[in-house]
């Protein structure tokens, strides 16, 4: 049996996604086909991180993304017919 995503507030900005099996993907997307995944419980922010918030985090910690360390960044290229990422080693967060 598949679980529905159940979210419980951890604090004002975070929620818990409970462990379970979930359907993900879409039949029309070759790179993201439909499938069932099993996940452990985890916490996630309710909203996206803004560029300003991430910049403050980078400044405070000196964090480098994997793409910055490996010089293998990918970036989304609209308006392609389907979701695609293109390699761009010069890109960073």
PDB file of N, CA and C in Angstrom:
ATOM      1  N   UNK A   1       0.843  -1.194   0.000  1.00  0.00           N
ATOM      2  CA  UNK A   1       0.000   0.000   0.000  1.00  0.00           C
ATOM      3  C   UNK A   1       0.874   1.238   0.000  1.00  0.00           C
ATOM      4  N   UNK A   2       0.512   2.221  -0.785  1.00  0.00           N
ATOM      5  CA  UNK A   2       1.277   3.458  -0.871  1.00  0.00           C
ATOM      6  C   UNK A   2       0.738   4.474   0.121  1.00  0.00           C
ATOM      7  N   UNK A   3       1.662   5.195   0.737  1.00  0.00           N
ATOM      8  CA  UNK A   3       1.289   6.225   1.711  1.00  0.00           C
ATOM      9  C   UNK A   3       1.041   7.545   0.992  1.00  0.00           C
ATOM     10  N   UNK A   4       0.161   8.332   1.543  1.00  0.00           N
ATOM     11  CA  UNK A   4       0.010   9.702   1.086  1.00  0.00           C
ATOM     12  C   UNK A   4       1.033  10.535   1.829  1.00  0.00           C
ATOM     13  N   UNK A   5       1.547  11.564   1.197  1.00  0.00           N
ATOM     14  CA  UNK A   5       2.516  12.412   1.881  1.00  0.00           C
ATOM     15  C   UNK A   5       1.814  13.079   3.051  1.00  0.00           C
ATOM     16  N   UNK A   6       2.364  12.885   4.213  1.00  0.00           N
ATOM     17  CA  UNK A   6       1.801  13.433   5.433  1.00  0.00           C
ATOM     18  C   UNK A   6       2.789  14.437   6.004  1.00  0.00           C
ATOM     19  N   UNK A   7       2.365  15.658   6.146  1.00  0.00           N
ATOM     20  CA  UNK A   7       3.242  16.714   6.628  1.00  0.00           C
ATOM     21  C   UNK A   7       2.810  17.171   8.013  1.00  0.00           C
ATOM     22  N   UNK A   8       3.756  17.269   8.909  1.00  0.00           N
ATOM     23  CA  UNK A   8       3.508  17.779  10.262  1.00  0.00           C
ATOM     24  C   UNK A   8       4.483  18.918  10.500  1.00  0.00           C
ATOM     25  N   UNK A   9       3.992  20.042  10.989  1.00  0.00           N
ATOM     26  CA  UNK A   9       4.856  21.188  11.238  1.00  0.00           C
ATOM     27  C   UNK A   9       5.863  20.870  12.338  1.00  0.00           C
ATOM     28  N   UNK A  10       7.150  21.133  12.078  1.00  0.00           N
ATOM     29  CA  UNK A  10       8.213  20.978  13.062  1.00  0.00           C
ATOM     30  C   UNK A  10       8.358  22.292  13.814  1.00  0.00           C
ATOM     31  N   UNK A  11       8.406  23.364  13.079  1.00  0.00           N
ATOM     32  CA  UNK A  11       8.371  24.721  13.617  1.00  0.00           C
ATOM     33  C   UNK A  11       7.719  25.579  12.550  1.00  0.00           C
ATOM     34  N   UNK A  12       7.799  26.875  12.659  1.00  0.00           N
ATOM     35  CA  UNK A  12       7.113  27.748  11.717  1.00  0.00           C
ATOM     36  C   UNK A  12       7.617  27.611  10.281  1.00  0.00           C
ATOM     37  N   UNK A  13       8.861  27.136  10.100  1.00  0.00           N
ATOM     38  CA  UNK A  13       9.422  27.098   8.755  1.00  0.00           C
ATOM     39  C   UNK A  13       9.661  25.697   8.200  1.00  0.00           C
ATOM     40  N   UNK A  14       9.503  24.655   9.029  1.00  0.00           N
ATOM     41  CA  UNK A  14       9.829  23.287   8.606  1.00  0.00           C
ATOM     42  C   UNK A  14       8.640  22.339   8.795  1.00  0.00           C
ATOM     43  N   UNK A  15       8.608  21.289   7.983  1.00  0.00           N
ATOM     44  CA  UNK A  15       7.627  20.211   8.132  1.00  0.00           C
ATOM     45  C   UNK A  15       8.352  18.873   8.035  1.00  0.00           C
ATOM     46  N   UNK A  16       7.720  17.812   8.552  1.00  0.00           N
ATOM     47  CA  UNK A  16       8.268  16.458   8.454  1.00  0.00           C
ATOM     48  C   UNK A  16       7.511  15.709   7.373  1.00  0.00           C
ATOM     49  N   UNK A  17       8.237  15.062   6.477  1.00  0.00           N
ATOM     50  CA  UNK A  17       7.638  14.142   5.516  1.00  0.00           C
ATOM     51  C   UNK A  17       7.859  12.758   6.123  1.00  0.00           C
ATOM     52  N   UNK A  18       6.783  12.052   6.391  1.00  0.00           N
ATOM     53  CA  UNK A  18       6.880  10.752   7.050  1.00  0.00           C
ATOM     54  C   UNK A  18       7.435   9.690   6.109  1.00  0.00           C
ATOM     55  N   UNK A  19       8.062   8.681   6.691  1.00  0.00           N
ATOM     56  CA  UNK A  19       8.560   7.548   5.916  1.00  0.00           C
ATOM     57  C   UNK A  19       7.394   6.884   5.195  1.00  0.00           C
ATOM     58  N   UNK A  20       7.669   6.360   4.017  1.00  0.00           N
ATOM     59  CA  UNK A  20       6.622   5.665   3.279  1.00  0.00           C
ATOM     60  C   UNK A  20       7.040   5.407   1.848  1.00  0.00           C
ATOM     61  N   UNK A  21       6.123   4.837   1.093  1.00  0.00           N
ATOM     62  CA  UNK A  21       6.339   4.601  -0.336  1.00  0.00           C
ATOM     63  C   UNK A  21       5.467   5.582  -1.104  1.00  0.00           C
ATOM     64  N   UNK A  22       6.063   6.209  -2.122  1.00  0.00           N
ATOM     65  CA  UNK A  22       5.385   7.262  -2.862  1.00  0.00           C
ATOM     66  C   UNK A  22       5.525   7.026  -4.363  1.00  0.00           C
ATOM     67  N   UNK A  23       4.478   7.413  -5.107  1.00  0.00           N
ATOM     68  CA  UNK A  23       4.548   7.401  -6.563  1.00  0.00           C
ATOM     69  C   UNK A  23       5.167   8.718  -7.012  1.00  0.00           C
ATOM     70  N   UNK A  24       6.172   8.657  -7.866  1.00  0.00           N
ATOM     71  CA  UNK A  24       6.803   9.858  -8.415  1.00  0.00           C
ATOM     72  C   UNK A  24       6.974   9.676  -9.918  1.00  0.00           C
ATOM     73  N   UNK A  25       7.292  10.762 -10.612  1.00  0.00           N
ATOM     74  CA  UNK A  25       7.548  10.705 -12.044  1.00  0.00           C
ATOM     75  C   UNK A  25       6.298  10.920 -12.867  1.00  0.00           C
ATOM     76  N   UNK A  26       6.505  10.912 -14.183  1.00  0.00           N
ATOM     77  CA  UNK A  26       5.415  11.160 -15.115  1.00  0.00           C
ATOM     78  C   UNK A  26       5.636  10.332 -16.374  1.00  0.00           C
ATOM     79  N   UNK A  27       4.604   9.699 -16.875  1.00  0.00           N
ATOM     80  CA  UNK A  27       4.722   8.793 -18.018  1.00  0.00           C
ATOM     81  C   UNK A  27       5.296   9.461 -19.254  1.00  0.00           C
ATOM     82  N   UNK A  28       5.040  10.740 -19.425  1.00  0.00           N
ATOM     83  CA  UNK A  28       5.507  11.428 -20.638  1.00  0.00           C
ATOM     84  C   UNK A  28       6.940  11.933 -20.532  1.00  0.00           C
ATOM     85  N   UNK A  29       7.588  11.783 -19.377  1.00  0.00           N
ATOM     86  CA  UNK A  29       8.967  12.258 -19.204  1.00  0.00           C
ATOM     87  C   UNK A  29       9.923  11.070 -19.164  1.00  0.00           C
ATOM     88  N   UNK A  30      10.681  10.886 -20.231  1.00  0.00           N
ATOM     89  CA  UNK A  30      11.616   9.767 -20.342  1.00  0.00           C
ATOM     90  C   UNK A  30      12.641   9.801 -19.215  1.00  0.00           C
ATOM     91  N   UNK A  31      13.125  10.992 -18.855  1.00  0.00           N
ATOM     92  CA  UNK A  31      14.163  11.114 -17.837  1.00  0.00           C
ATOM     93  C   UNK A  31      13.616  11.028 -16.413  1.00  0.00           C
ATOM     94  N   UNK A  32      12.302  11.010 -16.253  1.00  0.00           N
ATOM     95  CA  UNK A  32      11.680  10.927 -14.932  1.00  0.00           C
ATOM     96  C   UNK A  32      10.434  10.042 -15.024  1.00  0.00           C
ATOM     97  N   UNK A  33      10.623   8.744 -15.327  1.00  0.00           N
ATOM     98  CA  UNK A  33       9.469   7.858 -15.534  1.00  0.00           C
ATOM     99  C   UNK A  33       8.719   7.583 -14.230  1.00  0.00           C
ATOM    100  N   UNK A  34       7.465   7.143 -14.331  1.00  0.00           N
ATOM    101  CA  UNK A  34       6.714   6.806 -13.125  1.00  0.00           C
ATOM    102  C   UNK A  34       7.362   5.628 -12.401  1.00  0.00           C
ATOM    103  N   UNK A  35       7.402   5.729 -11.070  1.00  0.00           N
ATOM    104  CA  UNK A  35       7.970   4.654 -10.273  1.00  0.00           C
ATOM    105  C   UNK A  35       7.559   4.864  -8.820  1.00  0.00           C
ATOM    106  N   UNK A  36       7.785   3.843  -8.026  1.00  0.00           N
ATOM    107  CA  UNK A  36       7.518   3.919  -6.597  1.00  0.00           C
ATOM    108  C   UNK A  36       8.850   4.009  -5.877  1.00  0.00           C
ATOM    109  N   UNK A  37       8.964   4.949  -4.949  1.00  0.00           N
ATOM    110  CA  UNK A  37      10.189   5.099  -4.162  1.00  0.00           C
ATOM    111  C   UNK A  37       9.842   4.954  -2.686  1.00  0.00           C
ATOM    112  N   UNK A  38      10.774   4.405  -1.936  1.00  0.00           N
ATOM    113  CA  UNK A  38      10.621   4.291  -0.486  1.00  0.00           C
ATOM    114  C   UNK A  38      11.543   5.317   0.161  1.00  0.00           C
ATOM    115  N   UNK A  39      10.996   6.103   1.071  1.00  0.00           N
ATOM    116  CA  UNK A  39      11.763   7.161   1.725  1.00  0.00           C
ATOM    117  C   UNK A  39      11.742   7.006   3.232  1.00  0.00           C
ATOM    118  N   UNK A  40      12.856   7.370   3.844  1.00  0.00           N
ATOM    119  CA  UNK A  40      12.904   7.531   5.296  1.00  0.00           C
ATOM    120  C   UNK A  40      12.269   8.883   5.612  1.00  0.00           C
ATOM    121  N   UNK A  41      11.817   9.073   6.812  1.00  0.00           N
ATOM    122  CA  UNK A  41      11.260  10.365   7.217  1.00  0.00           C
ATOM    123  C   UNK A  41      12.339  11.435   7.142  1.00  0.00           C
ATOM    124  N   UNK A  42      11.947  12.656   6.777  1.00  0.00           N
ATOM    125  CA  UNK A  42      12.883  13.771   6.746  1.00  0.00           C
ATOM    126  C   UNK A  42      12.138  15.079   6.962  1.00  0.00           C
ATOM    127  N   UNK A  43      12.878  16.106   7.357  1.00  0.00           N
ATOM    128  CA  UNK A  43      12.322  17.448   7.501  1.00  0.00           C
ATOM    129  C   UNK A  43      12.700  18.268   6.292  1.00  0.00           C
ATOM    130  N   UNK A  44      11.821  19.180   5.913  1.00  0.00           N
ATOM    131  CA  UNK A  44      12.072  20.035   4.761  1.00  0.00           C
ATOM    132  C   UNK A  44      11.434  21.399   5.017  1.00  0.00           C
ATOM    133  N   UNK A  45      12.024  22.420   4.442  1.00  0.00           N
ATOM    134  CA  UNK A  45      11.481  23.773   4.592  1.00  0.00           C
ATOM    135  C   UNK A  45      10.134  23.876   3.872  1.00  0.00           C
ATOM    136  N   UNK A  46       9.242  24.686   4.425  1.00  0.00           N
ATOM    137  CA  UNK A  46       7.930  24.900   3.809  1.00  0.00           C
ATOM    138  C   UNK A  46       8.030  25.685   2.504  1.00  0.00           C
ATOM    139  N   UNK A  47       9.054  26.525   2.392  1.00  0.00           N
ATOM    140  CA  UNK A  47       9.200  27.363   1.197  1.00  0.00           C
ATOM    141  C   UNK A  47      10.611  27.219   0.640  1.00  0.00           C
ATOM    142  N   UNK A  48      10.776  27.649  -0.576  1.00  0.00           N
ATOM    143  CA  UNK A  48      12.084  27.621  -1.211  1.00  0.00           C
ATOM    144  C   UNK A  48      13.054  28.549  -0.492  1.00  0.00           C
ATOM    145  N   UNK A  49      14.334  28.232  -0.596  1.00  0.00           N
ATOM    146  CA  UNK A  49      15.374  29.114  -0.086  1.00  0.00           C
ATOM    147  C   UNK A  49      15.587  30.215  -1.116  1.00  0.00           C
ATOM    148  N   UNK A  50      15.602  31.454  -0.684  1.00  0.00           N
ATOM    149  CA  UNK A  50      15.837  32.554  -1.622  1.00  0.00           C
ATOM    150  C   UNK A  50      17.326  32.661  -1.934  1.00  0.00           C
ATOM    151  N   UNK A  51      17.664  33.341  -3.011  1.00  0.00           N
ATOM    152  CA  UNK A  51      19.069  33.597  -3.328  1.00  0.00           C
ATOM    153  C   UNK A  51      19.742  34.370  -2.205  1.00  0.00           C
ATOM    154  N   UNK A  52      19.036  35.338  -1.622  1.00  0.00           N
ATOM    155  CA  UNK A  52      19.614  36.127  -0.526  1.00  0.00           C
ATOM    156  C   UNK A  52      19.905  35.238   0.694  1.00  0.00           C
ATOM    157  N   UNK A  53      18.980  34.321   1.028  1.00  0.00           N
ATOM    158  CA  UNK A  53      19.202  33.411   2.151  1.00  0.00           C
ATOM    159  C   UNK A  53      20.392  32.495   1.874  1.00  0.00           C
ATOM    160  N   UNK A  54      20.487  31.978   0.647  1.00  0.00           N
ATOM    161  CA  UNK A  54      21.603  31.093   0.314  1.00  0.00           C
ATOM    162  C   UNK A  54      22.916  31.866   0.306  1.00  0.00           C
ATOM    163  N   UNK A  55      22.904  33.097  -0.195  1.00  0.00           N
ATOM    164  CA  UNK A  55      24.117  33.926  -0.193  1.00  0.00           C
ATOM    165  C   UNK A  55      24.598  34.155   1.235  1.00  0.00           C
ATOM    166  N   UNK A  56      23.678  34.400   2.163  1.00  0.00           N
ATOM    167  CA  UNK A  56      24.058  34.595   3.565  1.00  0.00           C
ATOM    168  C   UNK A  56      24.659  33.310   4.139  1.00  0.00           C
ATOM    169  N   UNK A  57      24.080  32.163   3.786  1.00  0.00           N
ATOM    170  CA  UNK A  57      24.612  30.877   4.237  1.00  0.00           C
ATOM    171  C   UNK A  57      26.026  30.648   3.692  1.00  0.00           C
ATOM    172  N   UNK A  58      26.239  30.917   2.394  1.00  0.00           N
ATOM    173  CA  UNK A  58      27.560  30.747   1.769  1.00  0.00           C
ATOM    174  C   UNK A  58      28.574  31.666   2.434  1.00  0.00           C
ATOM    175  N   UNK A  59      28.183  32.926   2.669  1.00  0.00           N
ATOM    176  CA  UNK A  59      29.092  33.885   3.296  1.00  0.00           C
ATOM    177  C   UNK A  59      29.467  33.443   4.709  1.00  0.00           C
ATOM    178  N   UNK A  60      28.504  32.909   5.449  1.00  0.00           N
ATOM    179  CA  UNK A  60      28.753  32.508   6.836  1.00  0.00           C
ATOM    180  C   UNK A  60      29.556  31.220   6.948  1.00  0.00           C
ATOM    181  N   UNK A  61      29.441  30.339   5.953  1.00  0.00           N
ATOM    182  CA  UNK A  61      30.051  29.013   6.087  1.00  0.00           C
ATOM    183  C   UNK A  61      31.177  28.735   5.093  1.00  0.00           C
ATOM    184  N   UNK A  62      31.279  29.530   4.013  1.00  0.00           N
ATOM    185  CA  UNK A  62      32.252  29.244   2.964  1.00  0.00           C
ATOM    186  C   UNK A  62      31.862  28.049   2.116  1.00  0.00           C
ATOM    187  N   UNK A  63      30.614  27.651   2.179  1.00  0.00           N
ATOM    188  CA  UNK A  63      30.117  26.470   1.462  1.00  0.00           C
ATOM    189  C   UNK A  63      30.329  26.580  -0.049  1.00  0.00           C
ATOM    190  N   UNK A  64      30.756  25.479  -0.661  1.00  0.00           N
ATOM    191  CA  UNK A  64      30.839  25.361  -2.113  1.00  0.00           C
ATOM    192  C   UNK A  64      29.912  24.240  -2.544  1.00  0.00           C
ATOM    193  N   UNK A  65      29.122  24.472  -3.578  1.00  0.00           N
ATOM    194  CA  UNK A  65      28.239  23.422  -4.077  1.00  0.00           C
ATOM    195  C   UNK A  65      29.064  22.350  -4.785  1.00  0.00           C
ATOM    196  N   UNK A  66      28.472  21.174  -4.967  1.00  0.00           N
ATOM    197  CA  UNK A  66      29.146  20.111  -5.712  1.00  0.00           C
ATOM    198  C   UNK A  66      29.532  20.602  -7.101  1.00  0.00           C
ATOM    199  N   UNK A  67      28.633  21.318  -7.767  1.00  0.00           N
ATOM    200  CA  UNK A  67      28.904  21.811  -9.116  1.00  0.00           C
ATOM    201  C   UNK A  67      30.079  22.784  -9.132  1.00  0.00           C
ATOM    202  N   UNK A  68      30.218  23.605  -8.095  1.00  0.00           N
ATOM    203  CA  UNK A  68      31.357  24.521  -8.018  1.00  0.00           C
ATOM    204  C   UNK A  68      32.656  23.768  -7.802  1.00  0.00           C
ATOM    205  N   UNK A  69      32.628  22.732  -6.978  1.00  0.00           N
ATOM    206  CA  UNK A  69      33.838  21.941  -6.718  1.00  0.00           C
ATOM    207  C   UNK A  69      34.248  21.120  -7.940  1.00  0.00           C
ATOM    208  N   UNK A  70      33.267  20.554  -8.639  1.00  0.00           N
ATOM    209  CA  UNK A  70      33.563  19.647  -9.760  1.00  0.00           C
ATOM    210  C   UNK A  70      33.533  20.340 -11.124  1.00  0.00           C
ATOM    211  N   UNK A  71      33.080  21.588 -11.170  1.00  0.00           N
ATOM    212  CA  UNK A  71      32.946  22.331 -12.435  1.00  0.00           C
ATOM    213  C   UNK A  71      32.073  21.566 -13.430  1.00  0.00           C
ATOM    214  N   UNK A  72      30.950  21.039 -12.943  1.00  0.00           N
ATOM    215  CA  UNK A  72      30.053  20.274 -13.813  1.00  0.00           C
ATOM    216  C   UNK A  72      28.594  20.708 -13.643  1.00  0.00           C
ATOM    217  N   UNK A  73      28.377  22.001 -13.514  1.00  0.00           N
ATOM    218  CA  UNK A  73      27.037  22.534 -13.281  1.00  0.00           C
ATOM    219  C   UNK A  73      26.105  22.231 -14.454  1.00  0.00           C
ATOM    220  N   UNK A  74      24.833  22.150 -14.119  1.00  0.00           N
ATOM    221  CA  UNK A  74      23.776  21.998 -15.109  1.00  0.00           C
ATOM    222  C   UNK A  74      22.797  23.145 -14.879  1.00  0.00           C
ATOM    223  N   UNK A  75      22.203  23.638 -15.952  1.00  0.00           N
ATOM    224  CA  UNK A  75      21.167  24.638 -15.761  1.00  0.00           C
ATOM    225  C   UNK A  75      19.987  24.357 -16.663  1.00  0.00           C
ATOM    226  N   UNK A  76      18.825  24.729 -16.173  1.00  0.00           N
ATOM    227  CA  UNK A  76      17.571  24.508 -16.874  1.00  0.00           C
ATOM    228  C   UNK A  76      17.497  25.421 -18.083  1.00  0.00           C
ATOM    229  N   UNK A  77      17.041  24.882 -19.186  1.00  0.00           N
ATOM    230  CA  UNK A  77      17.004  25.656 -20.422  1.00  0.00           C
ATOM    231  C   UNK A  77      15.575  25.761 -20.944  1.00  0.00           C
ATOM    232  N   UNK A  78      14.810  26.774 -20.518  1.00  0.00           N
ATOM    233  CA  UNK A  78      13.479  26.965 -21.095  1.00  0.00           C
ATOM    234  C   UNK A  78      13.615  27.591 -22.481  1.00  0.00           C
ATOM    235  N   UNK A  79      12.731  27.538 -23.357  1.00  0.00           N
ATOM    236  CA  UNK A  79      11.425  26.886 -23.264  1.00  0.00           C
ATOM    237  C   UNK A  79      11.397  25.553 -24.015  1.00  0.00           C
ATOM    238  N   UNK A  80      12.207  24.605 -23.653  1.00  0.00           N
ATOM    239  CA  UNK A  80      12.190  23.304 -24.300  1.00  0.00           C
ATOM    240  C   UNK A  80      10.851  22.610 -24.067  1.00  0.00           C
ATOM    241  N   UNK A  81      10.517  21.694 -24.957  1.00  0.00           N
ATOM    242  CA  UNK A  81       9.222  21.008 -24.880  1.00  0.00           C
ATOM    243  C   UNK A  81       9.060  20.191 -23.604  1.00  0.00           C
ATOM    244  N   UNK A  82      10.152  19.658 -23.091  1.00  0.00           N
ATOM    245  CA  UNK A  82      10.076  18.935 -21.832  1.00  0.00           C
ATOM    246  C   UNK A  82      11.234  19.342 -20.934  1.00  0.00           C
ATOM    247  N   UNK A  83      11.127  18.987 -19.686  1.00  0.00           N
ATOM    248  CA  UNK A  83      12.110  19.357 -18.670  1.00  0.00           C
ATOM    249  C   UNK A  83      13.491  18.848 -19.065  1.00  0.00           C
ATOM    250  N   UNK A  84      14.441  19.742 -19.268  1.00  0.00           N
ATOM    251  CA  UNK A  84      15.803  19.353 -19.649  1.00  0.00           C
ATOM    252  C   UNK A  84      16.819  20.222 -18.925  1.00  0.00           C
ATOM    253  N   UNK A  85      17.947  19.621 -18.602  1.00  0.00           N
ATOM    254  CA  UNK A  85      19.075  20.335 -18.019  1.00  0.00           C
ATOM    255  C   UNK A  85      20.233  20.246 -18.998  1.00  0.00           C
ATOM    256  N   UNK A  86      20.958  21.346 -19.177  1.00  0.00           N
ATOM    257  CA  UNK A  86      22.102  21.387 -20.077  1.00  0.00           C
ATOM    258  C   UNK A  86      23.364  21.650 -19.269  1.00  0.00           C
ATOM    259  N   UNK A  87      24.470  21.015 -19.662  1.00  0.00           N
ATOM    260  CA  UNK A  87      25.733  21.200 -18.954  1.00  0.00           C
ATOM    261  C   UNK A  87      26.254  22.616 -19.171  1.00  0.00           C
ATOM    262  N   UNK A  88      26.739  23.221 -18.108  1.00  0.00           N
ATOM    263  CA  UNK A  88      27.342  24.547 -18.162  1.00  0.00           C
ATOM    264  C   UNK A  88      28.374  24.645 -17.047  1.00  0.00           C
ATOM    265  N   UNK A  89      29.628  24.256 -17.334  1.00  0.00           N
ATOM    266  CA  UNK A  89      30.647  24.228 -16.285  1.00  0.00           C
ATOM    267  C   UNK A  89      30.969  25.608 -15.707  1.00  0.00           C
ATOM    268  N   UNK A  90      30.527  26.682 -16.359  1.00  0.00           N
ATOM    269  CA  UNK A  90      30.783  28.018 -15.827  1.00  0.00           C
ATOM    270  C   UNK A  90      29.720  28.464 -14.826  1.00  0.00           C
ATOM    271  N   UNK A  91      28.618  27.733 -14.739  1.00  0.00           N
ATOM    272  CA  UNK A  91      27.507  28.138 -13.863  1.00  0.00           C
ATOM    273  C   UNK A  91      27.808  27.781 -12.419  1.00  0.00           C
ATOM    274  N   UNK A  92      27.232  28.558 -11.514  1.00  0.00           N
ATOM    275  CA  UNK A  92      27.280  28.247 -10.091  1.00  0.00           C
ATOM    276  C   UNK A  92      25.875  28.519  -9.543  1.00  0.00           C
ATOM    277  N   UNK A  93      25.741  28.431  -8.246  1.00  0.00           N
ATOM    278  CA  UNK A  93      24.417  28.617  -7.675  1.00  0.00           C
ATOM    279  C   UNK A  93      23.846  29.968  -8.040  1.00  0.00           C
TER     280      UNK A  93
END
